[in-house]
Amino acid sequence: MEFATAQDGTQIAFERHGAGAPVFLVHGFGSSAEQNWKSTGWYLSLAEAGFEAIAMDHRGHGSSGKPHDPAAYDHERMADDVLAVMAAADVKAAPIIGYSMGGLISLRLALRTPERLTRLALGGVGSHYLTGPRVSDPEQRSCIADALLTDDKSSITDARARMFRDFAEQKGKDRLALAACMRAMSPALPRETLNRIACPVLVVCGEKDDVAGQPAPLAAAFPHGKPVTIAGRDHMSAVGERHTRLAVLDFLKS
């Protein structure tokens, strides 16, 4: 495990696996590099394909620092964390694979620092990014954050909020940090802004992903977008599906 120092002093953990051309892995909300990428076979698949996986833990997640102030979790600040890890890893430019929240943050990097991204693979981000409301909606975020904090789980009536609470109760997770992160999630970028992203973009979603929606409408918002649907998978299961990895590997090699 290695650490980069964010602009506000927060320690951002990251690890490297394999040898070859670097690929950055940016995980989803409530997860970690270990859970999102290592345990689902990504490290091994990328290494076998000749890549070096560089996977970070977002602030509030995994082995990184865990501030409890929502102001610490603006997506622009979290995008800066990715750049801090790239600097610590001495990588000037690379493909990025971002899942769910990691995809949202990676979109901002593609706009702000296009010279740092050679390709962008978005997983678990789809049509709902364009149409809302889902998790990008402030009321939904507040509902989920409240569910993460409540002492009375029986009071959680929203199914999506209950899903996030159950996920956040897994060993090693800090519910206070995750609630702060959820409250601070930044609004979606408009379609005309997404159209300025010049690098190739792959959009991969599970067929049954009711959190992200479907990939084709979002892929169409990019000048060089390509959609892939993973049959029979939802938001939680698509990331570990072999066909997801194969689609991304094909994209990286194309």
Protein backbone atom coordinates (compact mmCIF):
# COMPACT_ATOMS: atom_id res chain seq x y z
CA MET A 1 0.00 0.00 0.00
CA GLU A 2 1.23 3.48 -0.93
CA PHE A 3 -0.14 6.93 -0.08
CA ALA A 4 -0.54 10.23 -1.86
CA THR A 5 -1.27 13.48 -0.02
CA ALA A 6 -4.32 15.42 -1.20
CA GLN A 7 -4.35 19.21 -1.40
CA ASP A 8 -6.11 19.42 1.98
CA GLY A 9 -3.70 16.96 3.60
CA THR A 10 -5.97 13.90 3.45
CA GLN A 11 -4.00 10.71 2.87
CA ILE A 12 -5.14 8.81 -0.23
CA ALA A 13 -4.22 5.13 -0.34
CA PHE A 14 -3.41 3.32 -3.56
CA GLU A 15 -1.81 0.09 -4.71
CA ARG A 16 -0.26 -1.30 -7.86
CA HIS A 17 -0.54 -4.76 -9.38
CA GLY A 18 0.98 -6.19 -12.54
CA ALA A 19 3.48 -4.74 -14.96
CA GLY A 20 3.07 -2.90 -18.23
CA ALA A 21 1.11 0.11 -19.36
CA PRO A 22 -0.69 1.73 -16.39
CA VAL A 23 -4.47 1.77 -16.03
CA PHE A 24 -6.15 3.73 -13.23
CA LEU A 25 -9.06 2.15 -11.36
CA VAL A 26 -11.48 4.50 -9.58
CA HIS A 27 -14.05 2.65 -7.46
CA GLY A 28 -17.65 3.35 -6.56
CA PHE A 29 -19.36 4.77 -3.48
CA GLY A 30 -18.99 2.73 -0.29
CA SER A 31 -16.50 0.36 -1.87
CA SER A 32 -12.69 0.24 -2.02
CA ALA A 33 -9.92 -0.88 -4.32
CA GLU A 34 -9.95 -4.26 -2.59
CA GLN A 35 -13.70 -4.78 -2.88
CA ASN A 36 -14.40 -3.13 -6.23
CA TRP A 37 -11.39 -4.37 -8.19
CA LYS A 38 -9.23 -6.99 -6.50
CA SER A 39 -11.94 -9.32 -5.20
CA THR A 40 -13.79 -9.17 -8.53
CA GLY A 41 -10.84 -10.29 -10.63
CA TRP A 42 -9.82 -7.00 -12.25
CA TYR A 43 -6.22 -7.01 -11.03
CA LEU A 44 -5.62 -10.48 -12.43
CA SER A 45 -7.38 -9.80 -15.74
CA LEU A 46 -5.49 -6.56 -16.32
CA ALA A 47 -2.15 -8.15 -15.39
CA GLU A 48 -2.75 -11.07 -17.74
CA ALA A 49 -3.53 -8.57 -20.51
CA GLY A 50 -0.22 -6.77 -19.95
CA PHE A 51 -1.38 -3.80 -17.89
CA GLU A 52 -0.38 -2.39 -14.50
CA ALA A 53 -3.47 -1.73 -12.38
CA ILE A 54 -3.18 1.35 -10.15
CA ALA A 55 -6.17 1.36 -7.81
CA MET A 56 -6.93 4.05 -5.25
CA ASP A 57 -9.22 4.25 -2.24
CA HIS A 58 -11.34 7.40 -2.32
CA ARG A 59 -11.24 9.64 0.73
CA GLY A 60 -13.76 8.25 3.21
CA HIS A 61 -13.18 4.73 1.89
CA GLY A 62 -10.81 1.81 2.37
CA SER A 63 -7.42 2.76 3.80
CA SER A 64 -7.63 6.45 2.90
CA GLY A 65 -8.33 9.29 5.34
CA LYS A 66 -11.97 9.61 6.40
CA PRO A 67 -13.12 13.18 7.07
CA HIS A 68 -16.70 13.51 8.35
CA ASP A 69 -17.41 16.94 6.86
CA PRO A 70 -19.49 16.91 3.65
CA ALA A 71 -17.43 19.86 2.40
CA ALA A 72 -14.49 17.46 2.01
CA TYR A 73 -16.28 15.39 -0.64
CA ASP A 74 -17.03 17.69 -3.55
CA HIS A 75 -16.39 15.75 -6.76
CA GLU A 76 -13.89 18.35 -7.97
CA ARG A 77 -11.88 17.80 -4.80
CA MET A 78 -12.11 14.03 -5.27
CA ALA A 79 -10.96 14.45 -8.86
CA ASP A 80 -7.95 16.29 -7.47
CA ASP A 81 -7.28 13.18 -5.35
CA VAL A 82 -7.00 11.09 -8.53
CA LEU A 83 -4.48 13.57 -9.90
CA ALA A 84 -2.53 13.38 -6.62
CA VAL A 85 -2.34 9.60 -6.98
CA MET A 86 -1.25 9.92 -10.61
CA ALA A 87 1.53 12.26 -9.50
CA ALA A 88 2.61 9.94 -6.68
CA ALA A 89 2.64 7.02 -9.11
CA ASP A 90 4.62 9.14 -11.62
CA VAL A 91 2.07 8.60 -14.41
CA LYS A 92 1.48 11.48 -16.82
CA ALA A 93 -1.45 9.99 -18.75
CA ALA A 94 -3.37 6.72 -18.73
CA PRO A 95 -6.75 5.11 -19.35
CA ILE A 96 -9.15 5.37 -16.43
CA ILE A 97 -11.79 2.83 -15.46
CA GLY A 98 -14.37 4.40 -13.15
CA TYR A 99 -17.28 2.53 -11.60
CA SER A 100 -20.44 4.32 -10.42
CA MET A 101 -19.26 7.30 -8.31
CA GLY A 102 -15.77 6.66 -9.65
CA GLY A 103 -17.17 7.18 -13.13
CA LEU A 104 -18.79 10.47 -12.14
CA ILE A 105 -15.50 11.74 -10.78
CA SER A 106 -13.61 10.52 -13.85
CA LEU A 107 -15.94 12.49 -16.13
CA ARG A 108 -14.82 15.67 -14.40
CA LEU A 109 -11.19 14.73 -14.95
CA ALA A 110 -11.85 14.11 -18.63
CA LEU A 111 -13.12 17.69 -18.91
CA ARG A 112 -10.60 19.45 -16.67
CA THR A 113 -7.43 17.60 -17.65
CA PRO A 114 -8.06 15.84 -20.97
CA GLU A 115 -4.32 15.42 -21.45
CA ARG A 116 -4.25 12.99 -18.49
CA LEU A 117 -6.84 10.55 -19.87
CA THR A 118 -6.16 8.50 -22.99
CA ARG A 119 -9.43 6.56 -22.67
CA LEU A 120 -12.33 6.44 -20.22
CA ALA A 121 -14.36 3.35 -19.33
CA LEU A 122 -17.50 4.15 -17.33
CA GLY A 123 -19.17 1.30 -15.47
CA GLY A 124 -22.44 1.62 -13.59
CA VAL A 125 -23.15 5.07 -15.08
CA GLY A 126 -25.88 5.26 -17.70
CA SER A 127 -28.99 7.03 -18.94
CA HIS A 128 -30.09 8.17 -15.48
CA TYR A 129 -27.05 10.44 -15.42
CA LEU A 130 -28.76 12.44 -18.17
CA THR A 131 -32.34 12.25 -16.96
CA GLY A 132 -32.10 11.88 -13.15
CA PRO A 133 -33.18 11.80 -10.48
CA ARG A 134 -31.80 8.63 -8.85
CA VAL A 135 -28.66 9.05 -6.72
CA SER A 136 -27.76 12.39 -8.33
CA ASP A 137 -30.91 13.94 -6.87
CA PRO A 138 -30.36 15.92 -3.62
CA GLU A 139 -33.47 14.46 -1.98
CA GLN A 140 -32.36 10.92 -2.80
CA ARG A 141 -28.87 11.67 -1.49
CA SER A 142 -30.30 13.08 1.73
CA CYS A 143 -32.55 10.04 2.15
CA ILE A 144 -29.59 7.68 1.72
CA ALA A 145 -27.35 9.72 4.03
CA ASP A 146 -30.04 9.70 6.73
CA ALA A 147 -30.33 5.92 6.33
CA LEU A 148 -26.59 5.58 6.78
CA LEU A 149 -26.73 7.50 10.06
CA THR A 150 -29.89 6.27 11.75
CA ASP A 151 -29.64 3.97 14.76
CA ASP A 152 -33.02 2.45 13.92
CA LYS A 153 -32.68 0.43 10.71
CA SER A 154 -36.37 -0.50 10.88
CA SER A 155 -37.16 3.15 10.10
CA ILE A 156 -35.58 2.85 6.62
CA THR A 157 -38.50 2.36 4.23
CA ASP A 158 -36.79 3.31 0.95
CA ALA A 159 -35.41 0.16 -0.72
CA ARG A 160 -32.44 1.92 -2.33
CA ALA A 161 -31.50 3.63 0.94
CA ARG A 162 -31.71 0.26 2.74
CA MET A 163 -29.40 -1.27 0.10
CA PHE A 164 -26.79 1.43 0.72
CA ARG A 165 -27.11 1.05 4.51
CA ASP A 166 -26.55 -2.71 4.32
CA PHE A 167 -23.52 -2.13 2.07
CA ALA A 168 -22.10 0.50 4.44
CA GLU A 169 -22.31 -1.87 7.42
CA GLN A 170 -19.71 -4.20 5.99
CA LYS A 171 -16.52 -4.60 8.01
CA GLY A 172 -14.10 -1.67 7.95
CA LYS A 173 -16.51 0.95 6.59
CA ASP A 174 -17.10 4.30 8.26
CA ARG A 175 -20.80 5.20 8.03
CA LEU A 176 -20.21 8.80 9.14
CA ALA A 177 -17.68 9.38 6.35
CA LEU A 178 -19.92 7.67 3.80
CA ALA A 179 -22.92 9.76 4.85
CA ALA A 180 -20.83 12.93 4.43
CA CYS A 181 -19.71 11.74 0.99
CA MET A 182 -23.29 10.96 -0.04
CA ARG A 183 -24.57 14.39 0.98
CA ALA A 184 -21.83 16.12 -1.03
CA MET A 185 -22.22 14.31 -4.36
CA SER A 186 -22.04 16.89 -7.15
CA PRO A 187 -24.77 17.41 -9.76
CA ALA A 188 -24.55 15.77 -13.17
CA LEU A 189 -22.81 17.55 -16.02
CA PRO A 190 -25.12 18.70 -18.86
CA ARG A 191 -25.16 16.90 -22.19
CA GLU A 192 -23.52 19.81 -24.03
CA THR A 193 -20.60 19.67 -21.58
CA LEU A 194 -20.22 15.91 -21.98
CA ASN A 195 -20.04 16.46 -25.73
CA ARG A 196 -16.71 18.25 -25.19
CA ILE A 197 -15.01 15.06 -23.94
CA ALA A 198 -12.79 14.13 -26.86
CA CYS A 199 -11.25 10.82 -25.73
CA PRO A 200 -12.89 7.47 -26.51
CA VAL A 201 -15.51 6.59 -23.87
CA LEU A 202 -16.93 3.13 -23.16
CA VAL A 203 -20.21 3.01 -21.19
CA VAL A 204 -20.95 -0.37 -19.56
CA CYS A 205 -24.09 -1.09 -17.51
CA GLY A 206 -25.92 -4.15 -16.34
CA GLU A 207 -29.17 -4.91 -18.13
CA LYS A 208 -31.03 -4.74 -14.79
CA ASP A 209 -29.20 -1.70 -13.37
CA ASP A 210 -32.00 0.54 -12.10
CA VAL A 211 -29.47 2.83 -10.37
CA ALA A 212 -27.54 3.77 -13.53
CA GLY A 213 -30.03 3.05 -16.29
CA GLN A 214 -28.98 1.88 -19.73
CA PRO A 215 -25.67 2.67 -21.47
CA ALA A 216 -26.69 3.70 -25.01
CA PRO A 217 -28.21 7.15 -24.26
CA LEU A 218 -25.18 8.25 -22.26
CA ALA A 219 -22.71 6.84 -24.80
CA ALA A 220 -24.48 8.91 -27.48
CA ALA A 221 -23.65 12.10 -25.54
CA PHE A 222 -19.92 11.65 -26.25
CA PRO A 223 -18.28 12.27 -29.62
CA HIS A 224 -16.58 8.87 -29.40
CA GLY A 225 -18.88 6.88 -27.10
CA LYS A 226 -19.62 3.17 -27.23
CA PRO A 227 -22.31 1.36 -25.17
CA VAL A 228 -22.17 -2.19 -23.81
CA THR A 229 -25.01 -3.91 -21.90
CA ILE A 230 -24.19 -6.81 -19.56
CA ALA A 231 -27.05 -9.30 -19.70
CA GLY A 232 -28.78 -10.26 -16.47
CA ARG A 233 -26.68 -8.04 -14.19
CA ASP A 234 -27.62 -5.15 -11.92
CA HIS A 235 -25.66 -2.28 -10.38
CA MET A 236 -23.96 -4.38 -7.74
CA SER A 237 -23.25 -7.49 -9.80
CA ALA A 238 -22.10 -6.04 -13.15
CA VAL A 239 -18.69 -4.96 -11.86
CA GLY A 240 -17.67 -8.54 -11.08
CA GLU A 241 -19.04 -10.06 -14.27
CA ARG A 242 -16.47 -11.58 -16.64
CA HIS A 243 -18.16 -10.01 -19.66
CA THR A 244 -17.69 -6.56 -18.12
CA ARG A 245 -13.96 -7.14 -17.82
CA LEU A 246 -13.76 -8.51 -21.35
CA ALA A 247 -15.60 -5.49 -22.78
CA VAL A 248 -13.24 -3.10 -21.00
CA LEU A 249 -10.13 -5.05 -22.00
CA ASP A 250 -11.21 -5.01 -25.63
CA PHE A 251 -11.74 -1.24 -25.33
CA LEU A 252 -8.30 -0.70 -23.80
CA LYS A 253 -6.63 -2.64 -26.59
CA SER A 254 -8.58 -1.04 -29.46
